[in-house]
Protein backbone atom coordinates (compact mmCIF):
# COMPACT_ATOMS: atom_id res chain seq x y z
CA MET A 1 33.31 17.91 -22.33
CA THR A 2 30.33 19.83 -20.99
CA LEU A 3 27.08 19.16 -22.79
CA ALA A 4 24.95 22.05 -23.98
CA LEU A 5 21.73 22.42 -22.01
CA ARG A 6 19.52 21.02 -24.78
CA GLU A 7 21.85 18.02 -25.27
CA TRP A 8 21.93 17.38 -21.52
CA GLN A 9 18.12 17.49 -21.35
CA ALA A 10 17.86 15.06 -24.26
CA ALA A 11 20.30 12.69 -22.58
CA PHE A 12 18.40 12.94 -19.30
CA VAL A 13 15.07 12.16 -21.00
CA ALA A 14 16.65 9.20 -22.79
CA ASP A 15 17.90 7.87 -19.46
CA LEU A 16 14.45 8.17 -17.89
CA ALA A 17 12.94 6.36 -20.86
CA GLY A 18 15.28 3.45 -20.31
CA GLY A 19 17.98 4.25 -22.81
CA GLY A 20 20.78 5.19 -20.39
CA GLY A 21 22.96 3.33 -17.95
CA GLU A 22 23.13 5.68 -14.97
CA ALA A 23 22.18 3.55 -11.95
CA ARG A 24 21.33 6.63 -9.90
CA LEU A 25 18.49 7.38 -12.29
CA ALA A 26 16.91 3.94 -11.98
CA ILE A 27 14.59 4.91 -9.14
CA HIS A 28 13.43 8.03 -10.98
CA ARG A 29 12.90 6.07 -14.19
CA HIS A 30 10.83 3.46 -12.36
CA HIS A 31 8.73 6.12 -10.66
CA ILE A 32 8.06 7.98 -13.90
CA GLN A 33 7.17 4.81 -15.81
CA ARG A 34 4.82 3.69 -13.05
CA SER A 35 3.15 7.12 -12.90
CA LEU A 36 2.67 7.20 -16.66
CA ALA A 37 1.23 3.67 -16.66
CA LYS A 38 -1.27 4.73 -13.98
CA ALA A 39 -2.20 7.78 -16.04
CA LEU A 40 -2.82 5.55 -19.06
CA ALA A 41 -5.06 3.28 -16.97
CA MET A 42 -7.15 6.31 -16.02
CA THR A 43 -7.38 7.54 -19.62
CA PHE A 44 -8.08 4.10 -21.11
CA PRO A 45 -10.38 2.44 -18.56
CA THR A 46 -12.12 0.20 -21.11
CA VAL A 47 -8.83 -1.16 -22.40
CA HIS A 48 -7.75 -1.68 -18.79
CA ALA A 49 -10.95 -3.59 -18.00
CA LEU A 50 -10.65 -5.79 -21.09
CA VAL A 51 -7.07 -6.96 -20.59
CA GLY A 52 -6.88 -6.84 -16.79
CA ALA A 53 -4.64 -4.84 -14.47
CA ASP A 54 -1.54 -7.05 -14.69
CA PHE A 55 -1.42 -7.25 -18.48
CA PHE A 56 -2.27 -3.57 -18.83
CA ARG A 57 0.77 -2.71 -16.71
CA GLN A 58 2.91 -4.79 -19.05
CA ILE A 59 1.71 -3.19 -22.26
CA ALA A 60 1.66 0.28 -20.71
CA GLY A 61 5.23 -0.28 -19.52
CA ILE A 62 6.33 -0.99 -23.08
CA PHE A 63 4.45 2.01 -24.42
CA VAL A 64 5.88 4.52 -21.94
CA THR A 65 9.44 3.51 -22.84
CA ARG A 66 8.66 4.51 -26.43
CA GLU A 67 6.41 7.55 -25.94
CA LEU A 68 7.18 10.11 -23.25
CA PRO A 69 4.76 13.00 -22.58
CA THR A 70 5.23 16.20 -24.54
CA GLN A 71 2.78 18.14 -22.36
CA PRO A 72 2.79 18.66 -18.57
CA VAL A 73 -0.86 17.56 -18.21
CA LEU A 74 -1.11 13.77 -17.90
CA ALA A 75 -4.70 13.81 -19.20
CA GLU A 76 -3.17 14.78 -22.55
CA TYR A 77 -0.85 11.77 -22.56
CA GLY A 78 -1.68 8.73 -24.66
CA ALA A 79 -2.69 10.05 -28.08
CA GLN A 80 -0.52 7.37 -29.75
CA PHE A 81 -1.68 4.49 -27.53
CA ALA A 82 -4.33 3.24 -29.99
CA ASP A 83 -1.81 3.14 -32.84
CA PHE A 84 0.60 1.29 -30.55
CA LEU A 85 -2.05 -1.33 -29.77
CA ALA A 86 -2.87 -1.70 -33.46
CA ALA A 87 0.79 -2.30 -34.28
CA GLU A 88 1.18 -4.75 -31.39
CA GLU A 89 -1.93 -6.86 -32.00
CA ALA A 90 0.14 -10.03 -31.89
CA MET A 91 1.06 -9.18 -28.30
CA HIS A 92 -2.50 -8.86 -26.97
CA GLY A 93 -4.47 -10.88 -29.54
CA LEU A 94 -7.57 -8.65 -29.51
CA PRO A 95 -8.30 -7.22 -32.97
CA TYR A 96 -10.79 -4.69 -31.59
CA LEU A 97 -8.56 -3.37 -28.78
CA ALA A 98 -7.09 -0.50 -30.79
CA ASP A 99 -10.59 0.72 -31.69
CA VAL A 100 -11.59 0.52 -28.03
CA ALA A 101 -8.55 2.65 -27.20
CA ARG A 102 -9.63 5.18 -29.83
CA LEU A 103 -13.03 5.38 -28.17
CA ASP A 104 -11.47 5.81 -24.72
CA TRP A 105 -9.20 8.55 -26.05
CA ALA A 106 -12.04 10.36 -27.83
CA LEU A 107 -14.11 10.28 -24.63
CA ASN A 108 -11.13 11.68 -22.73
CA VAL A 109 -10.66 14.51 -25.23
CA ALA A 110 -14.37 15.33 -25.26
CA PHE A 111 -14.55 15.35 -21.46
CA TYR A 112 -11.78 17.92 -21.16
CA SER A 113 -13.02 20.08 -24.04
CA PRO A 114 -14.69 23.44 -23.29
CA ARG A 115 -18.46 23.55 -22.89
CA PRO A 116 -19.83 26.45 -24.95
CA SER A 117 -23.52 27.17 -25.20
CA ALA A 118 -25.48 24.85 -27.46
CA ALA A 119 -26.74 26.20 -30.77
CA ASP A 120 -29.92 28.24 -30.47
CA LEU A 121 -32.09 27.51 -33.51
CA THR A 122 -35.35 28.95 -32.26
CA GLY A 123 -37.21 31.18 -34.67
CA LEU A 124 -35.52 29.86 -37.81
CA SER A 125 -37.74 28.60 -40.60
CA PRO A 126 -36.87 25.21 -42.15
CA GLU A 127 -35.76 26.95 -45.36
CA VAL A 128 -33.39 29.29 -43.52
CA LEU A 129 -32.13 26.52 -41.26
CA LEU A 130 -31.19 24.28 -44.17
CA SER A 131 -28.99 27.03 -45.58
CA LYS A 132 -27.02 27.39 -42.36
CA VAL A 133 -23.73 25.81 -41.29
CA LEU A 134 -23.47 24.30 -37.82
CA THR A 135 -20.33 23.33 -35.94
CA LEU A 136 -20.10 20.26 -33.78
CA ALA A 137 -19.45 20.55 -30.07
CA PRO A 138 -15.74 20.90 -29.16
CA GLY A 139 -14.17 17.48 -28.81
CA ALA A 140 -16.85 15.75 -30.89
CA GLU A 141 -15.47 12.90 -32.99
CA LEU A 142 -16.80 10.14 -35.21
CA ILE A 143 -15.38 6.72 -34.38
CA ARG A 144 -15.87 3.93 -36.92
CA SER A 145 -15.13 0.29 -36.23
CA ARG A 146 -15.76 -3.15 -37.67
CA TYR A 147 -16.81 -4.16 -34.16
CA PRO A 148 -19.74 -3.25 -31.84
CA LEU A 149 -17.77 -0.74 -29.78
CA ASP A 150 -20.79 0.52 -27.90
CA ARG A 151 -21.63 -3.00 -26.67
CA ILE A 152 -18.00 -3.74 -25.80
CA TRP A 153 -17.82 -0.47 -23.85
CA THR A 154 -21.09 -1.16 -22.00
CA ALA A 155 -20.08 -4.71 -21.12
CA SER A 156 -16.77 -3.44 -19.71
CA GLN A 157 -18.31 -0.96 -17.27
CA PRO A 158 -18.19 -1.71 -13.53
CA GLY A 159 -21.27 -3.64 -12.46
CA ALA A 160 -22.23 -4.61 -16.00
CA ALA A 161 -24.05 -7.91 -16.39
CA GLU A 162 -21.72 -10.70 -17.43
CA GLY A 163 -22.06 -12.07 -20.91
CA GLU A 164 -20.13 -12.24 -24.14
CA VAL A 165 -20.48 -9.57 -26.79
CA ASP A 166 -21.26 -10.82 -30.27
CA LEU A 167 -18.47 -9.27 -32.34
CA ALA A 168 -20.49 -9.91 -35.50
CA LYS A 169 -22.91 -7.14 -34.42
CA GLY A 170 -20.60 -4.57 -36.01
CA PRO A 171 -19.69 -2.46 -37.81
CA THR A 172 -20.54 0.60 -35.78
CA CYS A 173 -20.15 4.35 -35.98
CA LEU A 174 -20.22 6.34 -32.75
CA LEU A 175 -20.40 10.09 -32.30
CA VAL A 176 -18.41 10.97 -29.20
CA LEU A 177 -19.58 14.07 -27.34
CA PRO A 178 -18.76 15.72 -24.00
CA ALA A 179 -21.77 13.98 -22.46
CA GLY A 180 -20.87 10.53 -23.83
CA PHE A 181 -21.50 8.91 -27.19
CA VAL A 182 -24.40 7.97 -29.45
CA ARG A 183 -24.53 5.21 -32.04
CA LEU A 184 -25.29 6.35 -35.58
CA ASP A 185 -26.56 4.43 -38.58
CA GLU A 186 -24.97 4.98 -42.00
CA GLY A 187 -27.22 7.88 -43.00
CA GLU A 188 -26.73 9.63 -39.67
CA ALA A 189 -22.97 9.11 -39.83
CA ALA A 190 -22.83 10.61 -43.34
CA PHE A 191 -24.96 13.54 -42.15
CA VAL A 192 -22.65 14.25 -39.19
CA ALA A 193 -19.50 13.79 -41.27
CA SER A 194 -20.78 16.35 -43.78
CA ILE A 195 -21.48 18.83 -40.98
CA ALA A 196 -18.00 18.24 -39.59
CA GLU A 197 -16.58 19.10 -43.02
CA GLY A 198 -18.31 22.49 -42.90
CA HIS A 199 -21.22 21.89 -45.27
CA THR A 200 -24.70 23.38 -44.88
CA LEU A 201 -27.46 21.37 -43.27
CA GLU A 202 -29.03 20.92 -46.71
CA ALA A 203 -25.82 19.42 -48.11
CA ALA A 204 -25.48 17.26 -45.00
CA ALA A 205 -29.04 16.02 -45.47
CA VAL A 206 -28.24 15.08 -49.08
CA ALA A 207 -25.21 13.14 -47.82
CA GLY A 208 -27.44 11.33 -45.35
CA PHE A 209 -30.02 10.35 -47.97
CA THR A 210 -27.25 9.31 -50.38
CA ALA A 211 -25.77 6.96 -47.81
CA GLU A 212 -29.15 5.57 -46.72
CA SER A 213 -32.35 5.99 -48.70
CA ASN A 214 -34.57 5.85 -45.60
CA PHE A 215 -32.48 8.36 -43.64
CA GLY A 216 -34.73 10.17 -41.17
CA LEU A 217 -33.54 13.77 -41.19
CA ALA A 218 -36.01 15.12 -38.62
CA GLY A 219 -35.44 12.30 -36.16
CA CYS A 220 -31.67 12.41 -36.52
CA PHE A 221 -31.48 16.18 -36.19
CA GLY A 222 -33.77 16.19 -33.17
CA ARG A 223 -31.74 13.48 -31.45
CA LEU A 224 -28.49 15.32 -32.04
CA LEU A 225 -29.97 18.57 -30.74
CA GLY A 226 -31.05 16.73 -27.61
CA CYS A 227 -27.48 15.50 -27.15
CA GLU A 228 -26.15 19.06 -27.56
CA ALA A 229 -24.06 17.89 -30.49
CA PHE A 230 -24.00 21.36 -32.07
CA ALA A 231 -22.02 24.16 -30.52
CA ALA A 232 -22.72 27.24 -32.59
CA LEU A 233 -24.59 28.54 -35.58
CA GLN A 234 -22.30 30.27 -38.06
CA GLN A 235 -23.64 33.57 -39.38
């Protein structure tokens, strides 16, 4: 019986993922799995550095048999990798690895996000500014972890000085931006989260002071402006 086109495509994809028995597809399946594993290594360089090339190939090989790309651009492949690592902690034994993968993925998303002009706030009085709503730069994301992700990331970079990271130096909150990431304290994180939810700067400032009594609004806002964390000023 002839399969309908959609059924044939589904069967073909299942074969490539490892679910079929057609020997003639073995070479194609191997090539696709190897290419996807290489793409994951490029997207998750910190995870790759932490576990090593050989073990990364093993865990990536398992992942690609479960999650095939839904988009033609390989840079968009791997959104579920952090959840996979969290579910398979017993396999790799690193409780922070899933959070590291989330940071790698957020950096990947931010890097490929559009780069609009930064918000122009010149000429606005403090009173007017506080009533305004800002939007974060495209791709910006808050990453929270029980672990010192920024130190783990830094220690995993090529050429980094050897030395163990004290995992007790967490928790951390990082704001990922197209240019990289910045570490935020609790007041700053609450301030940014409020902005991300669409609140005015005044409401965001209240959130910052509520989370941390010594929250420094001027210093935080100035640092975020310098990082081009804000994309546009809503009218």
